[in-house]
Amino acid sequence: MSRNTSDPLPDSDLALAALDARRSVPPKQLGEPGPDEATLLRLLRSAVRVPDHGKRVPFRFLSFRGDARHAFGERLAARSLQRDPNASEAVIEKDRSRFSHAPLVVAVIATLGPDKEIPESERFSTASCVCFALLQAAQALGYGAIWLTGWLAYDPEVGTWLDLDAHERVVGFVHIGTPKLDAPERERPDPHALLREWTPT
């Protein structure tokens, strides 16, 4: 139903308050409880409502919970050392604990492949929108979240662990949990400085 243009405009600050309050929470500041299976599916139900040219649904999900997060971290630590035998213990430990902080990590995977009608870049953009929508959905239900990539998102060996085929790519790992503190606000871009109106020449 379209809005009656004779009605007064809503208070835009109030209407957009949830979007204006969105911020990322570092994984180390995300604890229990995390979303249970039913809540995760509810979050994803909102997250999949993204622009999708051609209705290709070019994405899928993998979730990491419990001990599986730590097992994945052990693999990451071993792979990190394999990639760089001179890596410091601090670097190796960082990779080992990547998935151990937030109680839930969701990998968003772009499923691309040949398509004569929809460019790959558009389909990848759709999958990227899912990551952002998932962040918004998580915060709307009181959780904290952050969208991360890192070397593991692009490493072919990690891709085999995730059972990626030749036409799939990791868009990001979305870490979700209960914030241990209020994430500080940071400086945001000024839309006025970024906006120009096109005029014919």
N, C-alpha and C. Protein backbone atom coordinates (compact mmCIF):
# COMPACT_ATOMS: atom_id res chain seq x y z
N MET A 1 0.85 -1.18 0.00
CA MET A 1 0.00 0.00 0.00
C MET A 1 0.88 1.24 0.00
N SER A 2 0.63 2.18 -0.89
CA SER A 2 1.44 3.39 -0.95
C SER A 2 0.98 4.38 0.10
N ARG A 3 1.89 5.21 0.52
CA ARG A 3 1.56 6.21 1.54
C ARG A 3 0.72 7.32 0.93
N ASN A 4 -0.28 7.76 1.65
CA ASN A 4 -1.10 8.88 1.23
C ASN A 4 -0.25 10.14 1.31
N THR A 5 -0.01 10.77 0.16
CA THR A 5 0.91 11.91 0.15
C THR A 5 0.34 13.12 0.86
N SER A 6 -0.96 13.07 1.20
CA SER A 6 -1.53 14.18 1.95
C SER A 6 -1.24 14.05 3.44
N ASP A 7 -0.81 12.84 3.87
CA ASP A 7 -0.47 12.64 5.27
C ASP A 7 0.85 13.33 5.59
N PRO A 8 1.03 13.77 6.81
CA PRO A 8 2.32 14.38 7.17
C PRO A 8 3.43 13.34 7.11
N LEU A 9 4.63 13.78 6.77
CA LEU A 9 5.77 12.87 6.74
C LEU A 9 6.07 12.36 8.14
N PRO A 10 6.47 11.07 8.25
CA PRO A 10 6.82 10.55 9.58
C PRO A 10 8.08 11.22 10.09
N ASP A 11 8.31 11.12 11.37
CA ASP A 11 9.54 11.63 11.96
C ASP A 11 10.68 10.76 11.44
N SER A 12 11.49 11.27 10.53
CA SER A 12 12.50 10.45 9.87
C SER A 12 13.54 9.94 10.85
N ASP A 13 13.91 10.75 11.84
CA ASP A 13 14.91 10.30 12.81
C ASP A 13 14.40 9.10 13.60
N LEU A 14 13.13 9.14 13.97
CA LEU A 14 12.55 8.03 14.72
C LEU A 14 12.43 6.80 13.83
N ALA A 15 11.97 7.00 12.61
CA ALA A 15 11.75 5.88 11.70
C ALA A 15 13.05 5.19 11.33
N LEU A 16 14.15 5.93 11.26
CA LEU A 16 15.43 5.38 10.83
C LEU A 16 16.40 5.15 11.98
N ALA A 17 15.91 5.26 13.20
CA ALA A 17 16.79 5.16 14.37
C ALA A 17 17.54 3.84 14.42
N ALA A 18 16.87 2.73 14.10
CA ALA A 18 17.54 1.43 14.17
C ALA A 18 18.67 1.34 13.16
N LEU A 19 18.46 1.90 11.96
CA LEU A 19 19.51 1.88 10.95
C LEU A 19 20.66 2.81 11.34
N ASP A 20 20.33 3.95 11.91
CA ASP A 20 21.36 4.91 12.30
C ASP A 20 22.20 4.38 13.47
N ALA A 21 21.65 3.46 14.25
CA ALA A 21 22.36 2.93 15.41
C ALA A 21 23.23 1.72 15.08
N ARG A 22 23.19 1.25 13.85
CA ARG A 22 23.95 0.05 13.51
C ARG A 22 25.44 0.30 13.62
N ARG A 23 26.12 -0.62 14.28
CA ARG A 23 27.57 -0.55 14.38
C ARG A 23 28.12 -1.95 14.59
N SER A 24 29.34 -2.16 14.22
CA SER A 24 29.97 -3.46 14.35
C SER A 24 30.52 -3.65 15.76
N VAL A 25 30.41 -4.88 16.26
CA VAL A 25 30.94 -5.23 17.58
C VAL A 25 32.09 -6.22 17.37
N PRO A 26 33.30 -5.91 17.85
CA PRO A 26 34.44 -6.82 17.65
C PRO A 26 34.15 -8.21 18.20
N PRO A 27 34.65 -9.25 17.53
CA PRO A 27 34.37 -10.62 17.98
C PRO A 27 34.69 -10.88 19.45
N LYS A 28 35.78 -10.29 19.96
CA LYS A 28 36.15 -10.52 21.36
C LYS A 28 35.12 -9.96 22.34
N GLN A 29 34.26 -9.07 21.84
CA GLN A 29 33.24 -8.48 22.69
C GLN A 29 31.87 -9.12 22.46
N LEU A 30 31.84 -10.27 21.81
CA LEU A 30 30.59 -11.00 21.57
C LEU A 30 30.59 -12.28 22.39
N GLY A 31 29.62 -12.43 23.27
CA GLY A 31 29.56 -13.62 24.11
C GLY A 31 28.21 -14.31 24.04
N GLU A 32 28.04 -15.26 24.92
CA GLU A 32 26.77 -15.96 25.04
C GLU A 32 25.72 -15.03 25.69
N PRO A 33 24.45 -15.25 25.39
CA PRO A 33 23.95 -16.26 24.46
C PRO A 33 23.98 -15.75 23.02
N GLY A 34 24.06 -16.71 22.10
CA GLY A 34 23.91 -16.41 20.70
C GLY A 34 22.54 -16.88 20.23
N PRO A 35 22.20 -16.59 19.00
CA PRO A 35 20.91 -17.05 18.48
C PRO A 35 20.84 -18.58 18.44
N ASP A 36 19.71 -19.13 18.87
CA ASP A 36 19.52 -20.56 18.69
C ASP A 36 19.10 -20.84 17.25
N GLU A 37 18.87 -22.10 16.92
CA GLU A 37 18.59 -22.45 15.53
C GLU A 37 17.35 -21.73 15.00
N ALA A 38 16.29 -21.69 15.79
CA ALA A 38 15.06 -21.04 15.35
C ALA A 38 15.27 -19.54 15.14
N THR A 39 16.03 -18.93 16.05
CA THR A 39 16.29 -17.49 15.92
C THR A 39 17.18 -17.22 14.72
N LEU A 40 18.17 -18.07 14.49
CA LEU A 40 19.02 -17.89 13.31
C LEU A 40 18.19 -17.94 12.04
N LEU A 41 17.29 -18.91 11.95
CA LEU A 41 16.45 -19.01 10.76
C LEU A 41 15.57 -17.77 10.61
N ARG A 42 15.13 -17.21 11.73
CA ARG A 42 14.35 -15.97 11.65
C ARG A 42 15.21 -14.82 11.16
N LEU A 43 16.44 -14.74 11.62
CA LEU A 43 17.35 -13.70 11.14
C LEU A 43 17.59 -13.84 9.64
N LEU A 44 17.80 -15.07 9.20
CA LEU A 44 18.07 -15.30 7.78
C LEU A 44 16.84 -15.00 6.92
N ARG A 45 15.67 -15.19 7.50
CA ARG A 45 14.45 -14.89 6.75
C ARG A 45 14.39 -13.41 6.38
N SER A 46 14.88 -12.57 7.28
CA SER A 46 14.97 -11.14 6.97
C SER A 46 16.17 -10.84 6.07
N ALA A 47 17.27 -11.55 6.31
CA ALA A 47 18.50 -11.26 5.57
C ALA A 47 18.40 -11.58 4.09
N VAL A 48 17.56 -12.54 3.72
CA VAL A 48 17.47 -12.91 2.31
C VAL A 48 16.57 -11.98 1.50
N ARG A 49 15.97 -11.01 2.15
CA ARG A 49 15.12 -10.05 1.44
C ARG A 49 15.98 -8.94 0.84
N VAL A 50 16.77 -9.31 -0.14
CA VAL A 50 17.71 -8.38 -0.75
C VAL A 50 17.40 -8.24 -2.24
N PRO A 51 17.87 -7.15 -2.86
CA PRO A 51 17.72 -7.04 -4.31
C PRO A 51 18.41 -8.23 -4.99
N ASP A 52 17.75 -8.82 -5.95
CA ASP A 52 18.28 -10.03 -6.59
C ASP A 52 17.83 -10.06 -8.04
N HIS A 53 18.62 -9.42 -8.89
CA HIS A 53 18.31 -9.34 -10.32
C HIS A 53 18.18 -10.75 -10.91
N GLY A 54 17.04 -11.03 -11.49
CA GLY A 54 16.82 -12.33 -12.10
C GLY A 54 16.41 -13.42 -11.13
N LYS A 55 16.24 -13.07 -9.85
CA LYS A 55 15.84 -14.05 -8.82
C LYS A 55 16.75 -15.28 -8.83
N ARG A 56 18.05 -15.04 -8.87
CA ARG A 56 19.01 -16.14 -8.94
C ARG A 56 19.32 -16.77 -7.58
N VAL A 57 19.05 -16.05 -6.50
CA VAL A 57 19.40 -16.49 -5.14
C VAL A 57 20.87 -16.97 -5.14
N PRO A 58 21.80 -16.05 -5.42
CA PRO A 58 23.21 -16.44 -5.58
C PRO A 58 23.98 -16.50 -4.27
N PHE A 59 23.45 -17.22 -3.29
CA PHE A 59 24.13 -17.31 -2.00
C PHE A 59 23.64 -18.53 -1.24
N ARG A 60 24.47 -18.95 -0.29
CA ARG A 60 24.08 -19.99 0.66
C ARG A 60 24.81 -19.72 1.97
N PHE A 61 24.51 -20.51 3.00
CA PHE A 61 25.05 -20.26 4.33
C PHE A 61 25.69 -21.51 4.93
N LEU A 62 26.70 -21.29 5.77
CA LEU A 62 27.26 -22.31 6.64
C LEU A 62 27.33 -21.72 8.04
N SER A 63 26.89 -22.47 9.04
CA SER A 63 26.96 -21.96 10.42
C SER A 63 28.01 -22.74 11.20
N PHE A 64 28.64 -22.04 12.13
CA PHE A 64 29.66 -22.61 13.02
C PHE A 64 29.23 -22.36 14.45
N ARG A 65 29.09 -23.44 15.24
CA ARG A 65 28.71 -23.33 16.64
C ARG A 65 29.58 -24.25 17.49
N GLY A 66 29.55 -24.02 18.79
CA GLY A 66 30.15 -24.95 19.74
C GLY A 66 31.57 -25.36 19.40
N ASP A 67 31.85 -26.64 19.58
CA ASP A 67 33.20 -27.15 19.37
C ASP A 67 33.66 -27.06 17.93
N ALA A 68 32.71 -27.01 17.00
CA ALA A 68 33.08 -26.89 15.58
C ALA A 68 33.86 -25.61 15.33
N ARG A 69 33.56 -24.54 16.07
CA ARG A 69 34.29 -23.28 15.92
C ARG A 69 35.76 -23.47 16.29
N HIS A 70 36.00 -24.19 17.39
CA HIS A 70 37.37 -24.40 17.86
C HIS A 70 38.13 -25.34 16.92
N ALA A 71 37.45 -26.36 16.41
CA ALA A 71 38.08 -27.28 15.46
C ALA A 71 38.47 -26.53 14.19
N PHE A 72 37.60 -25.62 13.75
CA PHE A 72 37.92 -24.82 12.56
C PHE A 72 39.12 -23.92 12.85
N GLY A 73 39.17 -23.37 14.05
CA GLY A 73 40.29 -22.52 14.44
C GLY A 73 41.61 -23.27 14.45
N GLU A 74 41.59 -24.53 14.89
CA GLU A 74 42.82 -25.33 14.87
C GLU A 74 43.30 -25.53 13.44
N ARG A 75 42.36 -25.74 12.53
CA ARG A 75 42.74 -25.87 11.12
C ARG A 75 43.31 -24.57 10.58
N LEU A 76 42.71 -23.45 10.99
CA LEU A 76 43.21 -22.16 10.54
C LEU A 76 44.63 -21.92 11.04
N ALA A 77 44.90 -22.29 12.29
CA ALA A 77 46.23 -22.10 12.85
C ALA A 77 47.26 -22.92 12.07
N ALA A 78 46.91 -24.16 11.77
CA ALA A 78 47.84 -25.02 11.01
C ALA A 78 48.05 -24.48 9.60
N ARG A 79 46.97 -24.00 9.00
CA ARG A 79 47.08 -23.46 7.64
C ARG A 79 47.88 -22.16 7.64
N SER A 80 47.71 -21.35 8.67
CA SER A 80 48.45 -20.10 8.78
C SER A 80 49.95 -20.37 8.84
N LEU A 81 50.33 -21.38 9.62
CA LEU A 81 51.75 -21.73 9.73
C LEU A 81 52.27 -22.31 8.42
N GLN A 82 51.40 -23.02 7.72
CA GLN A 82 51.78 -23.57 6.42
C GLN A 82 52.00 -22.45 5.41
N ARG A 83 51.16 -21.43 5.47
CA ARG A 83 51.30 -20.30 4.56
C ARG A 83 52.54 -19.48 4.86
N ASP A 84 52.88 -19.39 6.14
CA ASP A 84 54.04 -18.60 6.55
C ASP A 84 54.75 -19.31 7.70
N PRO A 85 55.74 -20.14 7.40
CA PRO A 85 56.44 -20.88 8.46
C PRO A 85 57.11 -19.99 9.48
N ASN A 86 57.32 -18.72 9.15
CA ASN A 86 57.95 -17.79 10.08
C ASN A 86 56.94 -16.95 10.86
N ALA A 87 55.67 -17.29 10.74
CA ALA A 87 54.65 -16.53 11.45
C ALA A 87 54.87 -16.60 12.96
N SER A 88 54.63 -15.49 13.63
CA SER A 88 54.82 -15.43 15.08
C SER A 88 53.73 -16.23 15.79
N GLU A 89 54.00 -16.56 17.04
CA GLU A 89 53.01 -17.28 17.84
C GLU A 89 51.74 -16.44 18.01
N ALA A 90 51.92 -15.12 18.08
CA ALA A 90 50.76 -14.23 18.23
C ALA A 90 49.85 -14.32 17.00
N VAL A 91 50.45 -14.38 15.83
CA VAL A 91 49.67 -14.49 14.59
C VAL A 91 48.95 -15.83 14.54
N ILE A 92 49.66 -16.89 14.90
CA ILE A 92 49.06 -18.23 14.88
C ILE A 92 47.91 -18.30 15.88
N GLU A 93 48.11 -17.72 17.06
CA GLU A 93 47.06 -17.76 18.09
C GLU A 93 45.85 -16.94 17.66
N LYS A 94 46.08 -15.85 16.97
CA LYS A 94 44.98 -15.04 16.46
C LYS A 94 44.12 -15.86 15.52
N ASP A 95 44.77 -16.61 14.63
CA ASP A 95 44.01 -17.44 13.69
C ASP A 95 43.32 -18.59 14.41
N ARG A 96 43.97 -19.14 15.43
CA ARG A 96 43.37 -20.25 16.17
C ARG A 96 42.07 -19.81 16.87
N SER A 97 42.04 -18.57 17.32
CA SER A 97 40.90 -18.11 18.11
C SER A 97 39.89 -17.30 17.31
N ARG A 98 40.07 -17.20 16.00
CA ARG A 98 39.19 -16.36 15.19
C ARG A 98 37.71 -16.67 15.40
N PHE A 99 37.37 -17.96 15.48
CA PHE A 99 35.96 -18.35 15.56
C PHE A 99 35.54 -18.72 16.98
N SER A 100 36.41 -18.49 17.96
CA SER A 100 36.15 -18.96 19.32
C SER A 100 35.45 -17.94 20.20
N HIS A 101 35.29 -16.72 19.76
CA HIS A 101 34.72 -15.67 20.60
C HIS A 101 33.19 -15.63 20.50
N ALA A 102 32.68 -15.26 19.35
CA ALA A 102 31.23 -15.21 19.18
C ALA A 102 30.65 -16.62 19.20
N PRO A 103 29.49 -16.81 19.82
CA PRO A 103 28.91 -18.15 19.88
C PRO A 103 28.40 -18.67 18.55
N LEU A 104 28.22 -17.79 17.60
CA LEU A 104 27.74 -18.19 16.27
C LEU A 104 28.49 -17.42 15.20
N VAL A 105 28.95 -18.15 14.20
CA VAL A 105 29.55 -17.52 13.01
C VAL A 105 28.81 -18.08 11.80
N VAL A 106 28.39 -17.19 10.92
CA VAL A 106 27.70 -17.60 9.70
C VAL A 106 28.55 -17.20 8.51
N ALA A 107 28.94 -18.19 7.72
CA ALA A 107 29.64 -17.90 6.47
C ALA A 107 28.60 -17.68 5.38
N VAL A 108 28.72 -16.55 4.70
CA VAL A 108 27.85 -16.26 3.56
C VAL A 108 28.66 -16.52 2.30
N ILE A 109 28.16 -17.43 1.49
CA ILE A 109 28.90 -17.89 0.32
C ILE A 109 28.15 -17.50 -0.95
N ALA A 110 28.84 -16.81 -1.85
CA ALA A 110 28.25 -16.45 -3.14
C ALA A 110 28.31 -17.65 -4.07
N THR A 111 27.16 -18.01 -4.64
CA THR A 111 27.09 -19.10 -5.61
C THR A 111 26.89 -18.45 -6.97
N LEU A 112 27.94 -18.49 -7.77
CA LEU A 112 27.95 -17.70 -8.99
C LEU A 112 27.78 -18.61 -10.23
N GLY A 113 28.85 -18.91 -10.93
CA GLY A 113 28.73 -19.79 -12.09
C GLY A 113 28.29 -19.03 -13.33
N PRO A 114 28.33 -19.71 -14.48
CA PRO A 114 27.97 -19.07 -15.75
C PRO A 114 26.52 -18.60 -15.74
N ASP A 115 26.30 -17.44 -16.30
CA ASP A 115 24.94 -16.90 -16.43
C ASP A 115 24.96 -15.93 -17.60
N LYS A 116 24.18 -16.20 -18.61
CA LYS A 116 24.20 -15.37 -19.82
C LYS A 116 23.45 -14.06 -19.66
N GLU A 117 22.68 -13.93 -18.58
CA GLU A 117 21.85 -12.75 -18.44
C GLU A 117 22.30 -11.81 -17.31
N ILE A 118 22.69 -12.38 -16.18
CA ILE A 118 23.00 -11.55 -15.01
C ILE A 118 24.50 -11.56 -14.76
N PRO A 119 25.17 -10.40 -14.83
CA PRO A 119 26.62 -10.36 -14.61
C PRO A 119 27.00 -10.90 -13.23
N GLU A 120 28.17 -11.50 -13.15
CA GLU A 120 28.64 -12.04 -11.88
C GLU A 120 28.73 -10.97 -10.81
N SER A 121 29.15 -9.76 -11.22
CA SER A 121 29.30 -8.69 -10.23
C SER A 121 27.96 -8.36 -9.56
N GLU A 122 26.87 -8.43 -10.31
CA GLU A 122 25.56 -8.15 -9.73
C GLU A 122 25.16 -9.25 -8.76
N ARG A 123 25.46 -10.49 -9.10
CA ARG A 123 25.11 -11.60 -8.22
C ARG A 123 25.95 -11.58 -6.95
N PHE A 124 27.22 -11.21 -7.09
CA PHE A 124 28.06 -11.08 -5.89
C PHE A 124 27.56 -9.94 -5.01
N SER A 125 27.10 -8.87 -5.64
CA SER A 125 26.55 -7.75 -4.87
C SER A 125 25.32 -8.18 -4.07
N THR A 126 24.50 -9.02 -4.68
CA THR A 126 23.34 -9.54 -3.97
C THR A 126 23.77 -10.30 -2.72
N ALA A 127 24.77 -11.17 -2.87
CA ALA A 127 25.26 -11.94 -1.72
C ALA A 127 25.87 -11.01 -0.67
N SER A 128 26.52 -9.95 -1.10
CA SER A 128 27.08 -8.98 -0.15
C SER A 128 25.97 -8.29 0.63
N CYS A 129 24.87 -7.97 -0.06
CA CYS A 129 23.74 -7.35 0.64
C CYS A 129 23.21 -8.26 1.74
N VAL A 130 23.26 -9.56 1.53
CA VAL A 130 22.80 -10.50 2.55
C VAL A 130 23.62 -10.33 3.83
N CYS A 131 24.93 -10.17 3.70
CA CYS A 131 25.77 -9.97 4.88
C CYS A 131 25.32 -8.75 5.67
N PHE A 132 25.10 -7.66 4.97
CA PHE A 132 24.71 -6.44 5.66
C PHE A 132 23.31 -6.57 6.26
N ALA A 133 22.40 -7.20 5.53
CA ALA A 133 21.05 -7.39 6.06
C ALA A 133 21.07 -8.27 7.31
N LEU A 134 21.98 -9.25 7.33
CA LEU A 134 22.09 -10.11 8.50
C LEU A 134 22.60 -9.32 9.70
N LEU A 135 23.54 -8.41 9.49
CA LEU A 135 24.00 -7.53 10.57
C LEU A 135 22.83 -6.73 11.14
N GLN A 136 22.02 -6.16 10.25
CA GLN A 136 20.89 -5.35 10.70
C GLN A 136 19.87 -6.19 11.46
N ALA A 137 19.60 -7.39 10.94
CA ALA A 137 18.62 -8.26 11.59
C ALA A 137 19.09 -8.66 12.98
N ALA A 138 20.38 -8.99 13.09
CA ALA A 138 20.93 -9.39 14.39
C ALA A 138 20.80 -8.25 15.40
N GLN A 139 21.15 -7.05 14.99
CA GLN A 139 21.07 -5.93 15.92
C GLN A 139 19.62 -5.63 16.29
N ALA A 140 18.70 -5.81 15.35
CA ALA A 140 17.28 -5.55 15.62
C ALA A 140 16.76 -6.45 16.74
N LEU A 141 17.35 -7.65 16.89
CA LEU A 141 16.93 -8.57 17.95
C LEU A 141 17.81 -8.47 19.20
N GLY A 142 18.66 -7.44 19.25
CA GLY A 142 19.44 -7.22 20.45
C GLY A 142 20.81 -7.87 20.47
N TYR A 143 21.21 -8.49 19.37
CA TYR A 143 22.53 -9.10 19.30
C TYR A 143 23.54 -8.10 18.75
N GLY A 144 24.80 -8.41 18.94
CA GLY A 144 25.87 -7.68 18.28
C GLY A 144 26.41 -8.55 17.16
N ALA A 145 27.00 -7.92 16.17
CA ALA A 145 27.51 -8.69 15.03
C ALA A 145 28.58 -7.90 14.31
N ILE A 146 29.39 -8.63 13.55
CA ILE A 146 30.40 -8.01 12.70
C ILE A 146 30.62 -8.88 11.48
N TRP A 147 30.88 -8.24 10.35
CA TRP A 147 31.12 -8.91 9.07
C TRP A 147 32.63 -8.85 8.80
N LEU A 148 33.28 -10.02 8.75
CA LEU A 148 34.72 -10.08 8.54
C LEU A 148 35.06 -10.98 7.35
N THR A 149 36.25 -10.74 6.80
CA THR A 149 36.78 -11.62 5.75
C THR A 149 38.14 -12.14 6.20
N GLY A 150 39.22 -11.43 5.88
CA GLY A 150 40.56 -11.90 6.21
C GLY A 150 41.06 -12.89 5.17
N TRP A 151 42.30 -13.33 5.35
CA TRP A 151 42.92 -14.21 4.35
C TRP A 151 42.14 -15.49 4.14
N LEU A 152 41.47 -15.96 5.18
CA LEU A 152 40.75 -17.23 5.09
C LEU A 152 39.60 -17.19 4.10
N ALA A 153 39.06 -16.00 3.83
CA ALA A 153 37.96 -15.88 2.87
C ALA A 153 38.43 -16.13 1.44
N TYR A 154 39.74 -16.04 1.22
CA TYR A 154 40.26 -16.14 -0.15
C TYR A 154 41.22 -17.31 -0.34
N ASP A 155 41.45 -18.06 0.71
CA ASP A 155 42.42 -19.15 0.66
C ASP A 155 41.79 -20.40 0.05
N PRO A 156 42.41 -20.98 -0.98
CA PRO A 156 41.81 -22.16 -1.64
C PRO A 156 41.70 -23.37 -0.74
N GLU A 157 42.65 -23.54 0.19
CA GLU A 157 42.58 -24.68 1.10
C GLU A 157 41.38 -24.55 2.04
N VAL A 158 41.17 -23.36 2.55
CA VAL A 158 39.99 -23.12 3.39
C VAL A 158 38.73 -23.38 2.58
N GLY A 159 38.77 -22.99 1.31
CA GLY A 159 37.62 -23.24 0.44
C GLY A 159 37.26 -24.70 0.34
N THR A 160 38.26 -25.57 0.36
CA THR A 160 37.96 -27.01 0.31
C THR A 160 37.30 -27.46 1.61
N TRP A 161 37.69 -26.88 2.75
CA TRP A 161 37.05 -27.24 4.02
C TRP A 161 35.58 -26.84 4.01
N LEU A 162 35.28 -25.75 3.32
CA LEU A 162 33.92 -25.24 3.25
C LEU A 162 33.13 -25.89 2.12
N ASP A 163 33.78 -26.79 1.40
CA ASP A 163 33.14 -27.50 0.29
C ASP A 163 32.68 -26.54 -0.81
N LEU A 164 33.51 -25.52 -1.07
CA LEU A 164 33.19 -24.59 -2.15
C LEU A 164 33.47 -25.25 -3.49
N ASP A 165 32.59 -25.01 -4.46
CA ASP A 165 32.89 -25.50 -5.79
C ASP A 165 33.62 -24.40 -6.56
N ALA A 166 33.92 -24.65 -7.83
CA ALA A 166 34.75 -23.73 -8.60
C ALA A 166 34.09 -22.37 -8.80
N HIS A 167 32.78 -22.30 -8.64
CA HIS A 167 32.05 -21.06 -8.90
C HIS A 167 31.53 -20.40 -7.62
N GLU A 168 32.07 -20.80 -6.49
CA GLU A 168 31.63 -20.21 -5.22
C GLU A 168 32.76 -19.42 -4.57
N ARG A 169 32.37 -18.38 -3.85
CA ARG A 169 33.33 -17.53 -3.14
C ARG A 169 32.76 -17.11 -1.80
N VAL A 170 33.62 -17.03 -0.81
CA VAL A 170 33.20 -16.54 0.50
C VAL A 170 33.02 -15.02 0.41
N VAL A 171 31.84 -14.57 0.79
CA VAL A 171 31.57 -13.13 0.85
C VAL A 171 31.99 -12.57 2.21
N GLY A 172 31.78 -13.37 3.24
CA GLY A 172 32.18 -12.93 4.57
C GLY A 172 31.76 -13.90 5.64
N PHE A 173 32.34 -13.71 6.82
CA PHE A 173 31.97 -14.47 8.00
C PHE A 173 31.30 -13.48 8.96
N VAL A 174 30.04 -13.73 9.28
CA VAL A 174 29.29 -12.84 10.15
C VAL A 174 29.27 -13.45 11.55
N HIS A 175 29.94 -12.79 12.49
CA HIS A 175 30.03 -13.25 13.87
C HIS A 175 28.89 -12.61 14.66
N ILE A 176 28.14 -13.43 15.41
CA ILE A 176 26.95 -12.95 16.10
C ILE A 176 26.95 -13.43 17.55
N GLY A 177 26.62 -12.54 18.47
CA GLY A 177 26.51 -12.92 19.87
C GLY A 177 25.92 -11.77 20.66
N THR A 178 25.96 -11.89 21.97
CA THR A 178 25.46 -10.84 22.84
C THR A 178 26.61 -9.89 23.18
N PRO A 179 26.43 -8.60 22.91
CA PRO A 179 27.53 -7.65 23.17
C PRO A 179 27.89 -7.60 24.65
N LYS A 180 29.19 -7.59 24.93
CA LYS A 180 29.66 -7.44 26.31
C LYS A 180 29.75 -5.98 26.71
N LEU A 181 29.72 -5.09 25.72
CA LEU A 181 29.75 -3.66 25.97
C LEU A 181 29.11 -2.95 24.79
N ASP A 182 28.80 -1.68 24.98
CA ASP A 182 28.27 -0.88 23.89
C ASP A 182 29.41 -0.47 22.98
N ALA A 183 29.30 -0.88 21.72
CA ALA A 183 30.35 -0.51 20.77
C ALA A 183 30.37 1.00 20.59
N PRO A 184 31.56 1.62 20.65
CA PRO A 184 31.63 3.08 20.50
C PRO A 184 31.27 3.51 19.09
N GLU A 185 30.69 4.67 19.01
CA GLU A 185 30.39 5.23 17.69
C GLU A 185 31.70 5.70 17.07
N ARG A 186 31.74 5.72 15.77
CA ARG A 186 32.90 6.26 15.06
C ARG A 186 32.43 7.31 14.08
N GLU A 187 33.38 8.06 13.57
CA GLU A 187 33.02 9.11 12.61
C GLU A 187 32.47 8.48 11.34
N ARG A 188 31.38 9.02 10.84
CA ARG A 188 30.75 8.51 9.63
C ARG A 188 30.90 9.52 8.49
N PRO A 189 30.85 9.04 7.25
CA PRO A 189 30.96 9.97 6.12
C PRO A 189 29.81 10.97 6.11
N ASP A 190 30.07 12.13 5.58
CA ASP A 190 29.06 13.17 5.45
C ASP A 190 28.37 13.00 4.10
N PRO A 191 27.10 12.59 4.08
CA PRO A 191 26.42 12.39 2.80
C PRO A 191 26.41 13.65 1.93
N HIS A 192 26.32 14.80 2.58
CA HIS A 192 26.28 16.05 1.81
C HIS A 192 27.56 16.23 0.99
N ALA A 193 28.69 15.83 1.58
CA ALA A 193 29.97 15.97 0.88
C ALA A 193 30.11 14.95 -0.25
N LEU A 194 29.33 13.89 -0.19
CA LEU A 194 29.45 12.82 -1.19
C LEU A 194 28.44 12.94 -2.33
N LEU A 195 27.41 13.77 -2.13
CA LEU A 195 26.31 13.84 -3.08
C LEU A 195 26.51 14.93 -4.12
N ARG A 196 26.30 14.58 -5.36
CA ARG A 196 26.25 15.54 -6.46
C ARG A 196 25.03 15.24 -7.29
N GLU A 197 24.45 16.25 -7.84
CA GLU A 197 23.29 16.08 -8.73
C GLU A 197 23.75 16.17 -10.17
N TRP A 198 23.39 15.16 -10.95
CA TRP A 198 23.79 15.17 -12.35
C TRP A 198 22.94 16.16 -13.11
N THR A 199 23.59 16.93 -13.96
CA THR A 199 22.88 17.84 -14.84
C THR A 199 23.43 17.68 -16.24
N PRO A 200 22.58 17.78 -17.25
CA PRO A 200 23.06 17.63 -18.63
C PRO A 200 23.99 18.78 -19.01
N THR A 201 24.98 18.45 -19.85
CA THR A 201 25.89 19.50 -20.31
C THR A 201 25.70 19.75 -21.79
